[in-house]
Amino acid sequence: MSPLFFLFAALAQTPTPPDDAADARSSASVEDKDEDEDDDEDEGPWTGSFGLGASFFTGNSRALTLTGDALAEYDSPVWALTLEADGAYGNAAAEDEGEREVTAKNLGGWARGDYRFTRLLSAYTFLGAETDHPASIELRTEAELGIGLTVLEREKESNELLLRFYLGGSVARDRRFQYTPTRENLPDVTLWSPAVGMAFRYDINERVHLREDAVLLPDVFGDTRVLLDSTTKLSVDMTERFALTTFFELQHDSAPAAGKVRTDTSLSLGAELEL
């Protein structure tokens, strides 16, 4: 007789698991699901973080740079609000020179609100103010209004992927003042322009996160002038709330204040604590 017959007969005689075991598995599954839902509820719509960075050099030159940033975000299926602030201070001098030169002294704050009509289309408004002494900007105020288009979006926990483009109108006013080498007032400048922006979020894995924000402001109504601002952030989670971060920032102004270069770049390392 075929051995397969004995195999199938033995399988047919195998007792089915008791109902208690099945109920236990079902209860465990329900409990795990309830725990996951409780975790999601505990997170809440608000998240926040703040970070600090510093560098200090001695030798042929002495340089000190301090950076700081803070972020608060509210996110719901319809509304999103972002509050952000950052600043930097730095000075440097040659070892044989007593006087130190300010290399960085800036502070800024921004607020952004988004209203999502669908998963694809949204509207946004943006307000900001900042000061940058080395760039001879006593105060820059800006306002922006437009629409957003979401091209890619994945909302899995610890595996975010987002690509969103923005198109709107912007007005920015620079109140300029020269701080070095001599202190003097400079003519103020107003920029009316369309705004083209991009936001990219990608979690390389559950610990490494890449973020990119960029905006282009070309003045098409007055004198030829183009502003470009790009911030790239890479963070590595060391614990659930503590991460090491690096920022690369690029700021380009095709018509800066007299005596200033058109493009500023900075690379900073720091640490970030999630609230």
Protein backbone atom coordinates (compact mmCIF):
# COMPACT_ATOMS: atom_id res chain seq x y z
CA MET A 1 0.00 0.00 0.00
CA SER A 2 1.27 3.46 -0.81
CA PRO A 3 3.12 5.26 2.03
CA LEU A 4 1.21 8.45 1.11
CA PHE A 5 -2.00 6.80 2.26
CA PHE A 6 -0.59 6.23 5.74
CA LEU A 7 0.65 9.85 5.82
CA PHE A 8 -2.77 11.29 4.96
CA ALA A 9 -4.46 8.92 7.42
CA ALA A 10 -2.15 10.08 10.21
CA LEU A 11 -2.83 13.72 9.40
CA ALA A 12 -6.55 13.07 9.45
CA GLN A 13 -6.27 11.62 12.98
CA THR A 14 -4.32 14.64 14.31
CA PRO A 15 -6.52 16.32 16.95
CA THR A 16 -7.58 19.90 16.36
CA PRO A 17 -6.38 22.50 18.87
CA PRO A 18 -8.77 23.03 21.74
CA ASP A 19 -11.08 25.99 21.61
CA ASP A 20 -9.36 27.45 24.66
CA ALA A 21 -6.09 27.76 22.74
CA ALA A 22 -7.84 29.43 19.84
CA ASP A 23 -9.62 31.78 22.22
CA ALA A 24 -6.31 32.58 23.91
CA ARG A 25 -4.70 33.46 20.57
CA SER A 26 -7.73 35.57 19.63
CA SER A 27 -7.64 37.39 22.98
CA ALA A 28 -3.90 38.02 22.66
CA SER A 29 -4.42 39.42 19.16
CA VAL A 30 -7.18 41.74 20.40
CA GLU A 31 -5.01 42.88 23.33
CA ASP A 32 -2.06 43.62 21.03
CA LYS A 33 -4.33 45.61 18.75
CA ASP A 34 -5.74 47.55 21.71
CA GLU A 35 -2.19 48.30 22.91
CA ASP A 36 -1.21 49.60 19.46
CA GLU A 37 -4.30 51.82 19.38
CA ASP A 38 -3.51 53.11 22.88
CA ASP A 39 0.05 53.93 21.78
CA ASP A 40 -1.28 55.85 18.77
CA GLU A 41 -3.71 57.74 21.02
CA ASP A 42 -0.97 58.58 23.51
CA GLU A 43 1.19 60.21 20.82
CA GLY A 44 -1.30 63.03 20.24
CA PRO A 45 -1.34 65.55 17.38
CA TRP A 46 1.54 67.69 18.76
CA THR A 47 5.22 66.83 18.44
CA GLY A 48 8.29 68.92 19.15
CA SER A 49 12.05 68.96 19.38
CA PHE A 50 14.97 71.25 20.15
CA GLY A 51 18.64 70.96 19.30
CA LEU A 52 22.01 72.51 20.16
CA GLY A 53 25.37 72.51 18.40
CA ALA A 54 28.79 73.99 19.11
CA SER A 55 32.30 74.10 17.69
CA PHE A 56 35.48 75.60 19.15
CA PHE A 57 38.90 75.86 17.50
CA THR A 58 42.27 76.97 18.84
CA GLY A 59 45.73 77.25 17.28
CA ASN A 60 46.53 79.58 14.42
CA SER A 61 43.00 80.87 14.76
CA ARG A 62 40.44 80.92 17.53
CA ALA A 63 36.82 80.37 16.55
CA LEU A 64 33.63 79.67 18.44
CA THR A 65 30.23 78.91 16.92
CA LEU A 66 27.00 78.09 18.73
CA THR A 67 23.77 77.02 17.02
CA GLY A 68 20.29 76.23 18.27
CA ASP A 69 16.91 75.29 16.83
CA ALA A 70 13.41 74.46 18.07
CA LEU A 71 10.42 72.92 16.29
CA ALA A 72 6.77 72.31 17.19
CA GLU A 73 4.33 70.60 14.83
CA TYR A 74 0.60 69.91 14.92
CA ASP A 75 -0.71 67.34 12.46
CA SER A 76 -4.26 66.14 11.81
CA PRO A 77 -5.98 64.68 8.71
CA VAL A 78 -7.08 68.20 7.69
CA TRP A 79 -4.89 70.78 9.45
CA ALA A 80 -1.14 71.07 9.93
CA LEU A 81 0.77 73.79 11.80
CA THR A 82 4.53 74.22 12.04
CA LEU A 83 6.34 76.63 14.39
CA GLU A 84 10.10 76.89 13.98
CA ALA A 85 12.97 79.00 15.32
CA ASP A 86 16.73 78.85 14.94
CA GLY A 87 19.77 80.99 15.57
CA ALA A 88 23.55 81.03 15.51
CA TYR A 89 26.38 83.02 17.02
CA GLY A 90 30.03 82.80 16.09
CA ASN A 91 33.26 84.79 16.25
CA ALA A 92 36.85 84.20 15.19
CA ALA A 93 40.26 85.84 15.36
CA ALA A 94 43.85 85.05 14.47
CA GLU A 95 45.93 83.90 17.45
CA ASP A 96 48.15 87.00 17.37
CA GLU A 97 45.22 89.42 17.09
CA GLY A 98 43.27 90.62 20.08
CA GLU A 99 40.09 91.77 18.32
CA ARG A 100 37.58 89.09 17.37
CA GLU A 101 35.33 89.29 14.30
CA VAL A 102 31.70 88.19 14.35
CA THR A 103 31.24 85.39 11.82
CA ALA A 104 27.63 84.48 12.63
CA LYS A 105 24.88 86.36 14.41
CA ASN A 106 21.39 85.49 13.26
CA LEU A 107 18.01 84.61 14.70
CA GLY A 108 14.74 83.76 12.99
CA GLY A 109 11.22 82.50 13.61
CA TRP A 110 8.65 81.08 11.18
CA ALA A 111 5.04 79.88 11.28
CA ARG A 112 3.29 77.81 8.62
CA GLY A 113 -0.29 76.56 8.37
CA ASP A 114 -1.62 73.99 5.89
CA TYR A 115 -5.21 73.02 5.10
CA ARG A 116 -5.65 69.80 3.15
CA PHE A 117 -8.58 69.65 0.74
CA THR A 118 -7.67 66.13 -0.43
CA ARG A 119 -4.66 63.82 -0.04
CA LEU A 120 -3.29 65.48 -3.18
CA LEU A 121 -4.14 69.18 -2.84
CA SER A 122 -3.68 71.62 0.03
CA ALA A 123 -3.49 75.37 0.70
CA TYR A 124 -0.91 77.03 2.93
CA THR A 125 0.12 80.33 4.46
CA PHE A 126 3.58 81.23 5.74
CA LEU A 127 4.91 84.06 7.95
CA GLY A 128 8.51 84.67 8.97
CA ALA A 129 10.94 87.15 10.49
CA GLU A 130 14.72 86.98 10.85
CA THR A 131 17.85 89.02 11.42
CA ASP A 132 21.34 88.34 10.07
CA HIS A 133 24.05 90.83 11.05
CA PRO A 134 26.93 89.50 8.88
CA ALA A 135 24.62 89.78 5.84
CA SER A 136 23.62 93.36 6.84
CA ILE A 137 20.00 92.33 7.39
CA GLU A 138 18.60 94.14 10.40
CA LEU A 139 15.16 92.59 9.89
CA ARG A 140 13.62 90.55 7.09
CA THR A 141 9.85 89.99 7.22
CA GLU A 142 8.08 87.74 4.75
CA ALA A 143 4.62 86.41 3.99
CA GLU A 144 3.57 83.73 1.53
CA LEU A 145 0.29 82.22 0.35
CA GLY A 146 -0.23 79.36 -2.07
CA ILE A 147 -1.16 75.75 -2.80
CA GLY A 148 0.64 72.45 -2.19
CA LEU A 149 0.73 69.32 -4.35
CA THR A 150 1.60 66.00 -2.69
CA VAL A 151 3.34 63.65 -5.13
CA LEU A 152 4.45 60.87 -2.76
CA GLU A 153 3.23 60.03 0.71
CA ARG A 154 3.69 57.03 2.97
CA GLU A 155 2.52 57.28 6.56
CA LYS A 156 3.81 54.03 8.09
CA GLU A 157 5.36 54.49 11.53
CA SER A 158 9.17 54.90 11.42
CA ASN A 159 9.08 54.63 7.64
CA GLU A 160 7.95 58.03 6.36
CA LEU A 161 8.17 59.05 2.73
CA LEU A 162 6.89 62.43 1.56
CA LEU A 163 7.45 64.59 -1.50
CA ARG A 164 5.42 67.78 -1.74
CA PHE A 165 5.74 70.80 -4.03
CA TYR A 166 4.45 74.31 -3.35
CA LEU A 167 3.49 77.17 -5.62
CA GLY A 168 2.41 80.56 -4.34
CA GLY A 169 3.01 84.27 -4.10
CA SER A 170 5.47 85.92 -1.72
CA VAL A 171 6.39 89.36 -0.42
CA ALA A 172 9.57 89.96 1.58
CA ARG A 173 11.03 93.21 2.92
CA ASP A 174 14.65 93.64 3.96
CA ARG A 175 15.48 96.41 6.41
CA ARG A 176 19.23 96.67 5.88
CA PHE A 177 21.93 97.99 8.16
CA GLN A 178 25.70 97.62 7.85
CA TYR A 179 27.26 96.51 11.15
CA THR A 180 30.88 96.09 10.00
CA PRO A 181 33.36 97.55 9.25
CA THR A 182 31.45 100.78 9.90
CA ARG A 183 27.87 101.13 11.14
CA GLU A 184 25.58 102.85 8.66
CA ASN A 185 22.05 102.63 7.28
CA LEU A 186 21.49 100.99 3.91
CA PRO A 187 18.51 101.31 1.54
CA ASP A 188 15.63 98.96 2.31
CA VAL A 189 14.56 96.43 -0.34
CA THR A 190 11.16 94.85 -1.04
CA LEU A 191 10.76 91.65 -3.04
CA TRP A 192 7.48 90.66 -4.74
CA SER A 193 7.76 87.27 -6.36
CA PRO A 194 6.20 83.90 -7.10
CA ALA A 195 7.35 81.16 -4.71
CA VAL A 196 8.33 77.63 -5.72
CA GLY A 197 9.04 75.25 -2.83
CA MET A 198 9.70 71.61 -2.05
CA ALA A 199 9.51 69.44 1.08
CA PHE A 200 11.08 65.98 1.11
CA ARG A 201 10.97 63.50 3.99
CA TYR A 202 12.54 60.03 3.85
CA ASP A 203 13.30 57.55 6.60
CA ILE A 204 16.28 55.57 5.31
CA ASN A 205 15.61 53.10 8.11
CA GLU A 206 14.01 53.26 11.56
CA ARG A 207 16.99 55.22 12.96
CA VAL A 208 18.28 57.36 10.06
CA HIS A 209 16.12 60.20 8.73
CA LEU A 210 16.67 62.59 5.81
CA ARG A 211 14.86 65.91 5.45
CA GLU A 212 15.09 68.56 2.73
CA ASP A 213 13.28 71.92 2.48
CA ALA A 214 13.93 74.38 -0.33
CA VAL A 215 12.27 77.53 -1.68
CA LEU A 216 13.02 79.66 -4.75
CA LEU A 217 11.87 83.31 -4.94
CA PRO A 218 12.52 84.97 -8.33
CA ASP A 219 11.53 88.66 -8.52
CA VAL A 220 9.62 89.14 -11.77
CA PHE A 221 8.01 92.48 -10.91
CA GLY A 222 10.98 94.72 -10.08
CA ASP A 223 14.73 94.63 -10.38
CA THR A 224 16.20 91.26 -11.25
CA ARG A 225 16.76 89.38 -8.00
CA VAL A 226 16.59 85.72 -6.99
CA LEU A 227 16.53 84.25 -3.49
CA LEU A 228 17.21 80.56 -2.87
CA ASP A 229 17.09 78.90 0.54
CA SER A 230 17.82 75.21 1.06
CA THR A 231 18.17 73.19 4.28
CA THR A 232 19.24 69.54 4.33
CA LYS A 233 19.06 67.65 7.63
CA LEU A 234 20.33 64.16 8.43
CA SER A 235 19.58 62.73 11.87
CA VAL A 236 20.53 59.45 13.55
CA ASP A 237 18.46 58.27 16.50
CA MET A 238 20.59 57.11 19.43
CA THR A 239 17.54 56.49 21.64
CA GLU A 240 13.81 57.01 21.20
CA ARG A 241 14.15 60.72 22.04
CA PHE A 242 17.81 61.61 21.50
CA ALA A 243 19.46 61.99 18.08
CA LEU A 244 22.67 63.26 16.53
CA THR A 245 22.06 65.70 13.67
CA THR A 246 23.87 67.46 10.86
CA PHE A 247 22.54 70.42 8.88
CA PHE A 248 23.70 71.79 5.54
CA GLU A 249 22.24 75.18 4.69
CA LEU A 250 22.59 77.16 1.48
CA GLN A 251 21.34 80.73 1.07
CA HIS A 252 21.71 82.60 -2.20
CA ASP A 253 20.81 86.23 -2.89
CA SER A 254 21.62 87.45 -6.39
CA ALA A 255 21.51 91.10 -5.21
CA PRO A 256 22.79 91.22 -1.60
CA ALA A 257 23.73 94.29 0.39
CA ALA A 258 26.80 96.21 -0.79
CA GLY A 259 30.05 94.38 -0.07
CA LYS A 260 28.38 91.03 0.69
CA VAL A 261 28.83 87.78 -1.24
CA ARG A 262 25.89 86.22 -3.01
CA THR A 263 26.01 82.71 -1.52
CA ASP A 264 26.35 81.59 2.10
CA THR A 265 26.72 77.93 3.10
CA SER A 266 27.05 76.32 6.51
CA LEU A 267 27.54 72.80 7.81
CA SER A 268 26.75 72.18 11.48
CA LEU A 269 26.75 69.18 13.79
CA GLY A 270 24.65 68.91 16.91
CA ALA A 271 22.26 66.93 19.06
CA GLU A 272 18.49 66.97 19.19
CA LEU A 273 16.01 66.01 21.91
CA GLU A 274 12.45 65.07 20.96
CA LEU A 275 9.75 66.32 23.32
